[in-house]
Amino acid sequence: MTAPINILVVDDIPQNLIALEALLARPGLNLLKASSGAEALEMLLVHEVALALVDVQMPDMDGFELAELMRGSERTRAIPLIFLTAASRETNYRFRGYEAGAVDFMFKPIDAQALVSKVNVFVELYLQRKQLSHQLDELKRALHMNEMFMAVLGHDLRTPLSVVMNGAMLLPMMTDHPKVAVTAQRIGGSARRMAQMVDQLLDLARIRSGDMQLKKAHRDVAELCRAIADEFQAADKPSRVVVEAHGDAAAPVDPGIFAQVISNLVGNALQHGESGHAVLVNVDGSAPEHLRITIGNRGVIPAARLAGIFEPYQRLDAARKSGQGLGLGLYTASTFVHAHGGEIDIASDAALGTTVVTVTLPRVGAGAPTAQALA
């Protein structure tokens, strides 16, 4: 059974309260009658109210004062308020009422039909707000369940993936047939891409659930970048990642999470940049108040794609066709950088044929490790 909708009526004259109750009475509506501002405030502490009809001229606390107190409380400030008054129709008088928070003025003797119509409108708006609030709660629950599903799925996929990757490594050892080696290489490459997708899904689930914590420490960011560059080094091939650093390269970062930032950005630059050119990582520690890291590669991103480049599930056409990644790398990198209090930007110069991602990290608080929630 649906709970009745409360309408608060405030008037110091009992006959007016009785008349309004008779006028507005209908199934589904409950009139809360108060004979003073103080009594009205007590009722507002207990009941949820869709609309308040308030007489202006009352002893001790007039309608304007009651309205100001209602607007000063988080619980009651959104309640629509209609003033009922037999006083002057002067503009200054109305202005004071609207300034106090009124949505309308009605002058006595009250037009019964107009009052009923206005009450019906605000009741309908109240019902719509309740319905939207309920839908929002349902949507939040659905999103939470979706994030939990992604986290569980990502976690459970790791075990079979590790078996596939280990099998791909063992296959060439079992035979010297050239087709087996090629097939094993393809299986291993596909499994590694799938592992990257799983990692991105887990990162996304942690970001949106707010479960990830930053544990900052004073670290050499240039060393982190070099370690990531080594991970992308292919055997018997020259490195495509060049790391340069100058100045003080230390900043307060969570080493594990910030390493993911660099890994995502470097991996993205390698994937989408021209294969014959190196990816340049530059760590600029010359400024005392911040550290700046740039990751540059040959290749141009269309201007139309730059505006939403850090939104989730944004992939270039080539990556979409090849099935490489989920388009979450730049999104997670951006989120992690902002969680560190930093900024991230991307610029693509068609004339030079280059794309550069710039990460700026503040050095404030570098002296002490901190734990910070990632929302």
Protein backbone atom coordinates (compact mmCIF):
# COMPACT_ATOMS: atom_id res chain seq x y z
CA MET A 1 0.00 0.00 0.00
CA THR A 2 1.34 3.43 -0.99
CA ALA A 3 1.95 5.82 1.90
CA PRO A 4 -0.17 9.00 1.87
CA ILE A 5 1.42 12.24 0.68
CA ASN A 6 1.76 14.86 3.40
CA ILE A 7 0.72 18.50 2.86
CA LEU A 8 1.66 20.87 5.66
CA VAL A 9 -0.82 23.69 6.40
CA VAL A 10 0.25 26.41 8.85
CA ASP A 11 -2.26 28.99 10.12
CA ASP A 12 -2.93 30.41 13.60
CA ILE A 13 -6.71 30.58 12.97
CA PRO A 14 -8.39 27.17 13.53
CA GLN A 15 -11.27 27.94 11.15
CA ASN A 16 -8.81 28.45 8.28
CA LEU A 17 -7.21 25.06 8.97
CA ILE A 18 -10.62 23.37 8.95
CA ALA A 19 -11.58 25.09 5.70
CA LEU A 20 -8.34 24.10 3.97
CA GLU A 21 -8.70 20.51 5.16
CA ALA A 22 -12.23 20.33 3.73
CA LEU A 23 -11.07 21.85 0.46
CA LEU A 24 -8.01 19.64 -0.08
CA ALA A 25 -9.18 16.35 1.44
CA ARG A 26 -8.91 13.40 -0.94
CA PRO A 27 -7.68 9.80 -0.83
CA GLY A 28 -3.90 9.61 -0.78
CA LEU A 29 -3.41 13.07 0.75
CA ASN A 30 -2.74 13.68 4.43
CA LEU A 31 -2.99 17.23 5.80
CA LEU A 32 -0.65 18.07 8.65
CA LYS A 33 -2.18 21.06 10.49
CA ALA A 34 0.00 23.41 12.54
CA SER A 35 -1.23 26.50 14.38
CA SER A 36 2.21 28.11 14.74
CA GLY A 37 5.64 28.16 13.20
CA ALA A 38 7.14 26.24 16.12
CA GLU A 39 4.56 23.47 15.77
CA ALA A 40 5.22 23.33 12.04
CA LEU A 41 8.95 22.88 12.62
CA GLU A 42 8.25 19.99 15.00
CA MET A 43 6.12 18.28 12.36
CA LEU A 44 8.80 18.78 9.72
CA LEU A 45 11.27 16.92 11.94
CA VAL A 46 9.03 13.85 11.87
CA HIS A 47 7.23 13.87 8.51
CA GLU A 48 8.28 14.07 4.87
CA VAL A 49 6.26 16.85 3.25
CA ALA A 50 5.44 17.39 -0.43
CA LEU A 51 4.18 20.99 -0.07
CA ALA A 52 3.75 23.62 2.64
CA LEU A 53 0.89 26.16 2.69
CA VAL A 54 1.88 28.89 5.13
CA ASP A 55 -0.03 31.88 6.43
CA VAL A 56 2.15 34.97 6.63
CA GLN A 57 0.58 36.84 9.58
CA MET A 58 1.13 34.71 12.68
CA PRO A 59 2.15 35.67 16.22
CA ASP A 60 5.63 34.86 17.64
CA MET A 61 6.95 33.51 14.30
CA ASP A 62 5.49 34.82 11.05
CA GLY A 63 5.46 32.94 7.75
CA PHE A 64 8.59 34.64 6.43
CA GLU A 65 10.60 33.62 9.49
CA LEU A 66 9.33 30.03 9.23
CA ALA A 67 10.31 29.94 5.56
CA GLU A 68 13.82 31.18 6.33
CA LEU A 69 14.26 28.46 8.98
CA MET A 70 13.02 25.83 6.54
CA ARG A 71 15.47 27.01 3.89
CA GLY A 72 18.28 26.82 6.44
CA SER A 73 17.81 23.06 6.97
CA GLU A 74 19.03 20.42 4.53
CA ARG A 75 15.99 18.28 5.31
CA THR A 76 13.37 20.94 4.49
CA ARG A 77 14.99 23.41 2.07
CA ALA A 78 13.61 21.66 -1.03
CA ILE A 79 9.98 21.69 0.14
CA PRO A 80 7.87 23.95 -2.15
CA LEU A 81 6.20 26.70 -0.13
CA ILE A 82 3.09 28.72 -0.99
CA PHE A 83 2.26 31.77 1.13
CA LEU A 84 -1.39 32.44 1.98
CA THR A 85 -1.98 36.01 3.08
CA ALA A 86 -4.65 38.68 3.51
CA ALA A 87 -2.01 41.43 3.58
CA SER A 88 -0.90 43.96 0.99
CA ARG A 89 -0.34 43.02 -2.64
CA GLU A 90 2.59 45.44 -2.91
CA THR A 91 5.63 44.35 -4.92
CA ASN A 92 8.04 44.75 -1.98
CA TYR A 93 5.88 42.46 0.12
CA ARG A 94 5.93 39.76 -2.55
CA PHE A 95 9.64 40.23 -3.08
CA ARG A 96 10.30 39.51 0.59
CA GLY A 97 8.24 36.32 0.30
CA TYR A 98 10.07 35.08 -2.76
CA GLU A 99 13.37 35.99 -1.14
CA ALA A 100 12.37 33.82 1.83
CA GLY A 101 11.88 30.88 -0.52
CA ALA A 102 8.24 30.95 -1.62
CA VAL A 103 7.29 29.46 -4.97
CA ASP A 104 3.95 31.30 -5.06
CA PHE A 105 1.68 33.82 -3.31
CA MET A 106 -2.08 33.46 -2.90
CA PHE A 107 -4.17 36.27 -1.39
CA LYS A 108 -7.21 35.79 0.81
CA PRO A 109 -10.01 35.18 0.17
CA ILE A 110 -8.42 32.15 -1.50
CA ASP A 111 -9.56 31.07 -4.95
CA ALA A 112 -10.48 27.45 -4.10
CA GLN A 113 -10.15 26.12 -7.65
CA ALA A 114 -6.77 27.76 -8.18
CA LEU A 115 -5.44 26.42 -4.86
CA VAL A 116 -6.57 22.86 -5.62
CA SER A 117 -4.97 23.04 -9.07
CA LYS A 118 -1.66 24.27 -7.67
CA VAL A 119 -1.63 21.64 -4.94
CA ASN A 120 -2.29 18.95 -7.56
CA VAL A 121 0.67 20.19 -9.62
CA PHE A 122 3.08 20.05 -6.69
CA VAL A 123 1.79 16.64 -5.61
CA GLU A 124 2.42 15.34 -9.12
CA LEU A 125 5.93 16.84 -9.09
CA TYR A 126 6.57 15.21 -5.72
CA LEU A 127 5.49 11.82 -7.08
CA GLN A 128 7.74 12.25 -10.12
CA ARG A 129 10.71 13.12 -7.87
CA LYS A 130 10.05 10.02 -5.75
CA GLN A 131 9.84 7.86 -8.86
CA LEU A 132 13.08 9.30 -10.25
CA SER A 133 14.78 8.77 -6.89
CA HIS A 134 13.62 5.16 -6.85
CA GLN A 135 14.85 4.62 -10.42
CA LEU A 136 18.20 6.18 -9.50
CA ASP A 137 18.55 3.81 -6.54
CA GLU A 138 17.72 0.85 -8.77
CA LEU A 139 20.27 2.04 -11.34
CA LYS A 140 22.96 2.39 -8.65
CA ARG A 141 22.24 -1.14 -7.44
CA ALA A 142 22.40 -2.47 -10.99
CA LEU A 143 25.72 -0.68 -11.60
CA HIS A 144 27.11 -2.04 -8.35
CA MET A 145 26.10 -5.58 -9.33
CA ASN A 146 27.65 -5.05 -12.76
CA GLU A 147 30.92 -3.89 -11.21
CA MET A 148 30.93 -6.87 -8.84
CA PHE A 149 30.32 -9.17 -11.80
CA MET A 150 33.23 -7.65 -13.73
CA ALA A 151 35.52 -7.99 -10.71
CA VAL A 152 34.56 -11.62 -10.09
CA LEU A 153 34.74 -12.51 -13.77
CA GLY A 154 38.13 -10.84 -14.16
CA HIS A 155 39.47 -12.63 -11.09
CA ASP A 156 38.16 -16.04 -12.17
CA LEU A 157 39.52 -15.67 -15.72
CA ARG A 158 43.09 -15.36 -14.47
CA THR A 159 43.45 -19.08 -13.67
CA PRO A 160 42.44 -20.50 -17.08
CA LEU A 161 44.42 -17.71 -18.77
CA SER A 162 47.59 -18.67 -16.94
CA VAL A 163 47.09 -22.27 -18.06
CA VAL A 164 46.71 -21.14 -21.70
CA MET A 165 49.83 -18.96 -21.49
CA ASN A 166 51.92 -21.72 -19.88
CA GLY A 167 50.70 -24.18 -22.51
CA ALA A 168 51.69 -21.79 -25.28
CA MET A 169 55.21 -21.59 -23.81
CA LEU A 170 55.52 -25.39 -23.55
CA LEU A 171 54.25 -26.27 -27.03
CA PRO A 172 57.44 -25.32 -28.92
CA MET A 173 59.48 -27.40 -26.46
CA MET A 174 57.49 -30.53 -27.31
CA THR A 175 58.15 -30.46 -31.04
CA ASP A 176 60.26 -28.63 -33.57
CA HIS A 177 57.49 -28.43 -36.15
CA PRO A 178 57.46 -24.82 -37.48
CA LYS A 179 53.65 -24.58 -37.59
CA VAL A 180 53.43 -25.52 -33.92
CA ALA A 181 55.80 -22.69 -33.00
CA VAL A 182 53.78 -20.19 -35.03
CA THR A 183 50.52 -21.40 -33.50
CA ALA A 184 51.97 -21.26 -29.99
CA GLN A 185 53.15 -17.71 -30.61
CA ARG A 186 49.67 -16.67 -31.71
CA ILE A 187 48.06 -18.35 -28.71
CA GLY A 188 50.51 -16.62 -26.37
CA GLY A 189 49.93 -13.22 -27.97
CA SER A 190 46.17 -13.58 -27.79
CA ALA A 191 46.34 -14.75 -24.17
CA ARG A 192 48.49 -11.76 -23.22
CA ARG A 193 46.01 -9.37 -24.84
CA MET A 194 43.20 -11.08 -22.98
CA ALA A 195 45.15 -10.79 -19.72
CA GLN A 196 45.51 -7.06 -20.38
CA MET A 197 41.74 -6.78 -20.90
CA VAL A 198 41.12 -8.62 -17.63
CA ASP A 199 43.48 -6.23 -15.81
CA GLN A 200 41.64 -3.25 -17.30
CA LEU A 201 38.26 -4.64 -16.23
CA LEU A 202 39.55 -5.16 -12.69
CA ASP A 203 40.96 -1.62 -12.63
CA LEU A 204 37.62 -0.25 -13.85
CA ALA A 205 35.70 -2.19 -11.19
CA ARG A 206 38.03 -0.92 -8.44
CA ILE A 207 37.81 2.67 -9.69
CA ARG A 208 34.01 2.74 -9.80
CA SER A 209 33.53 0.93 -6.50
CA GLY A 210 36.03 3.19 -4.74
CA ASP A 211 37.82 0.17 -3.25
CA MET A 212 41.32 1.07 -4.44
CA GLN A 213 43.60 2.88 -2.00
CA LEU A 214 46.62 5.02 -2.83
CA LYS A 215 49.67 4.41 -0.66
CA LYS A 216 51.98 7.25 -1.57
CA ALA A 217 55.72 7.24 -0.99
CA HIS A 218 58.61 9.45 -2.08
CA ARG A 219 59.81 7.63 -5.22
CA ASP A 220 62.09 8.23 -8.20
CA VAL A 221 59.61 8.37 -11.08
CA ALA A 222 62.40 8.12 -13.68
CA GLU A 223 63.37 4.73 -12.24
CA LEU A 224 59.74 3.60 -12.48
CA CYS A 225 59.67 4.67 -16.13
CA ARG A 226 62.89 2.77 -16.89
CA ALA A 227 61.51 -0.36 -15.26
CA ILE A 228 58.38 -0.13 -17.42
CA ALA A 229 60.50 0.47 -20.54
CA ASP A 230 62.45 -2.73 -19.77
CA GLU A 231 59.18 -4.69 -19.66
CA PHE A 232 58.43 -3.65 -23.24
CA GLN A 233 61.91 -4.68 -24.41
CA ALA A 234 61.62 -7.54 -26.89
CA ALA A 235 64.39 -10.14 -27.03
CA ASP A 236 67.01 -9.62 -29.75
CA LYS A 237 65.42 -6.36 -30.86
CA PRO A 238 66.39 -2.74 -30.19
CA SER A 239 64.28 -0.99 -27.58
CA ARG A 240 61.47 1.17 -28.90
CA VAL A 241 61.16 3.05 -25.58
CA VAL A 242 63.73 5.73 -24.70
CA VAL A 243 63.65 7.26 -21.20
CA GLU A 244 65.31 10.62 -20.52
CA ALA A 245 65.36 12.46 -17.19
CA HIS A 246 66.80 15.65 -15.76
CA GLY A 247 66.41 17.49 -12.47
CA ASP A 248 64.86 15.99 -9.34
CA ALA A 249 62.71 13.08 -10.59
CA ALA A 250 61.16 12.27 -7.17
CA ALA A 251 57.49 12.76 -6.32
CA PRO A 252 54.94 11.31 -3.87
CA VAL A 253 53.28 8.44 -5.78
CA ASP A 254 51.83 5.02 -5.21
CA PRO A 255 54.55 3.00 -7.01
CA GLY A 256 52.31 0.16 -8.15
CA ILE A 257 49.44 2.29 -9.38
CA PHE A 258 51.62 4.93 -11.01
CA ALA A 259 53.60 2.19 -12.75
CA GLN A 260 50.24 1.18 -14.29
CA VAL A 261 49.82 4.76 -15.53
CA ILE A 262 53.18 4.71 -17.29
CA SER A 263 52.61 1.19 -18.60
CA ASN A 264 49.21 2.13 -20.07
CA LEU A 265 50.55 5.29 -21.68
CA VAL A 266 53.70 3.68 -23.09
CA GLY A 267 51.77 0.63 -24.29
CA ASN A 268 49.23 2.89 -25.96
CA ALA A 269 51.99 4.89 -27.67
CA LEU A 270 53.68 1.70 -28.92
CA GLN A 271 50.41 0.23 -30.17
CA HIS A 272 49.17 3.29 -32.05
CA GLY A 273 52.47 4.99 -32.96
CA GLU A 274 54.47 4.37 -36.11
CA SER A 275 56.42 1.14 -35.67
CA GLY A 276 59.67 2.51 -37.09
CA HIS A 277 59.99 5.24 -34.46
CA ALA A 278 60.79 5.12 -30.76
CA VAL A 279 58.49 6.24 -27.95
CA LEU A 280 60.22 8.99 -25.96
CA VAL A 281 59.54 9.23 -22.22
CA ASN A 282 60.87 12.44 -20.69
CA VAL A 283 60.86 13.09 -16.93
CA ASP A 284 61.31 16.80 -16.24
CA GLY A 285 62.13 17.52 -12.61
CA SER A 286 63.39 21.08 -13.06
CA ALA A 287 60.38 22.73 -11.34
CA PRO A 288 60.36 22.59 -7.51
CA GLU A 289 56.57 22.45 -7.17
CA HIS A 290 55.76 19.72 -9.72
CA LEU A 291 57.13 16.88 -11.83
CA ARG A 292 56.27 16.64 -15.51
CA ILE A 293 56.34 13.41 -17.53
CA THR A 294 55.80 13.39 -21.29
CA ILE A 295 55.27 10.32 -23.48
CA GLY A 296 55.64 11.11 -27.19
CA ASN A 297 55.35 9.03 -30.32
CA ARG A 298 55.10 9.44 -34.08
CA GLY A 299 51.50 9.37 -35.25
CA VAL A 300 48.49 11.67 -35.21
CA ILE A 301 45.13 11.33 -33.45
CA PRO A 302 42.23 12.92 -35.39
CA ALA A 303 41.06 16.16 -33.76
CA ALA A 304 37.51 14.82 -33.45
CA ARG A 305 38.77 12.00 -31.19
CA LEU A 306 40.79 14.16 -28.81
CA ALA A 307 37.84 15.71 -26.93
CA GLY A 308 36.68 12.43 -25.37
CA ILE A 309 39.98 10.55 -25.51
CA PHE A 310 40.08 9.95 -21.73
CA GLU A 311 36.54 8.58 -21.57
CA PRO A 312 36.14 4.80 -21.10
CA TYR A 313 35.82 2.48 -24.10
CA GLN A 314 37.41 4.96 -26.51
CA ARG A 315 39.41 3.08 -29.15
CA LEU A 316 40.89 4.06 -32.48
CA ASP A 317 39.44 2.29 -35.51
CA ALA A 318 42.53 0.14 -36.02
CA ALA A 319 42.43 -1.12 -32.44
CA ARG A 320 38.70 -1.80 -32.66
CA LYS A 321 39.09 -3.88 -35.81
CA SER A 322 42.01 -5.86 -34.44
CA GLY A 323 40.29 -6.48 -31.09
CA GLN A 324 43.22 -5.03 -29.15
CA GLY A 325 42.18 -3.75 -25.74
CA LEU A 326 38.91 -2.41 -24.42
CA GLY A 327 39.64 1.29 -24.73
CA LEU A 328 40.19 1.62 -20.97
CA GLY A 329 43.93 2.34 -20.88
CA LEU A 330 43.74 6.13 -21.14
CA TYR A 331 40.67 6.24 -18.89
CA THR A 332 42.36 4.33 -16.06
CA ALA A 333 45.57 6.32 -16.52
CA SER A 334 43.62 9.58 -16.29
CA THR A 335 41.74 8.42 -13.19
CA PHE A 336 44.92 7.30 -11.43
CA VAL A 337 46.72 10.57 -12.26
CA HIS A 338 43.82 12.64 -10.90
CA ALA A 339 43.78 10.48 -7.75
CA HIS A 340 47.41 11.55 -7.24
CA GLY A 341 46.28 15.18 -7.45
CA GLY A 342 47.88 15.54 -10.87
CA GLU A 343 46.78 16.52 -14.36
CA ILE A 344 46.96 14.70 -17.68
CA ASP A 345 46.67 16.13 -21.18
CA ILE A 346 47.17 14.93 -24.72
CA ALA A 347 48.13 16.92 -27.81
CA SER A 348 48.46 15.75 -31.39
CA ASP A 349 50.26 17.92 -33.95
CA ALA A 350 49.35 17.09 -37.56
CA ALA A 351 52.12 19.34 -38.90
CA LEU A 352 54.84 17.56 -36.90
CA GLY A 353 53.12 14.17 -37.10
CA THR A 354 53.49 13.57 -33.36
CA THR A 355 51.31 12.89 -30.33
CA VAL A 356 52.40 13.77 -26.79
CA VAL A 357 50.75 12.87 -23.48
CA THR A 358 51.75 15.13 -20.57
CA VAL A 359 51.35 14.11 -16.92
CA THR A 360 51.96 16.72 -14.23
CA LEU A 361 52.36 15.56 -10.62
CA PRO A 362 52.48 17.88 -7.59
CA ARG A 363 55.35 17.48 -5.14
CA VAL A 364 53.29 18.71 -2.17
CA GLY A 365 53.33 16.24 0.70
CA ALA A 366 56.31 14.37 -0.66
CA GLY A 367 57.81 13.89 2.78
CA ALA A 368 55.29 11.44 4.22
CA PRO A 369 53.47 8.40 2.83
CA THR A 370 49.69 8.75 2.71
CA ALA A 371 46.69 6.51 2.10
CA GLN A 372 44.07 8.04 -0.17
CA ALA A 373 40.82 6.52 -1.42
CA LEU A 374 40.36 6.36 -5.16
CA ALA A 375 36.77 7.35 -5.95
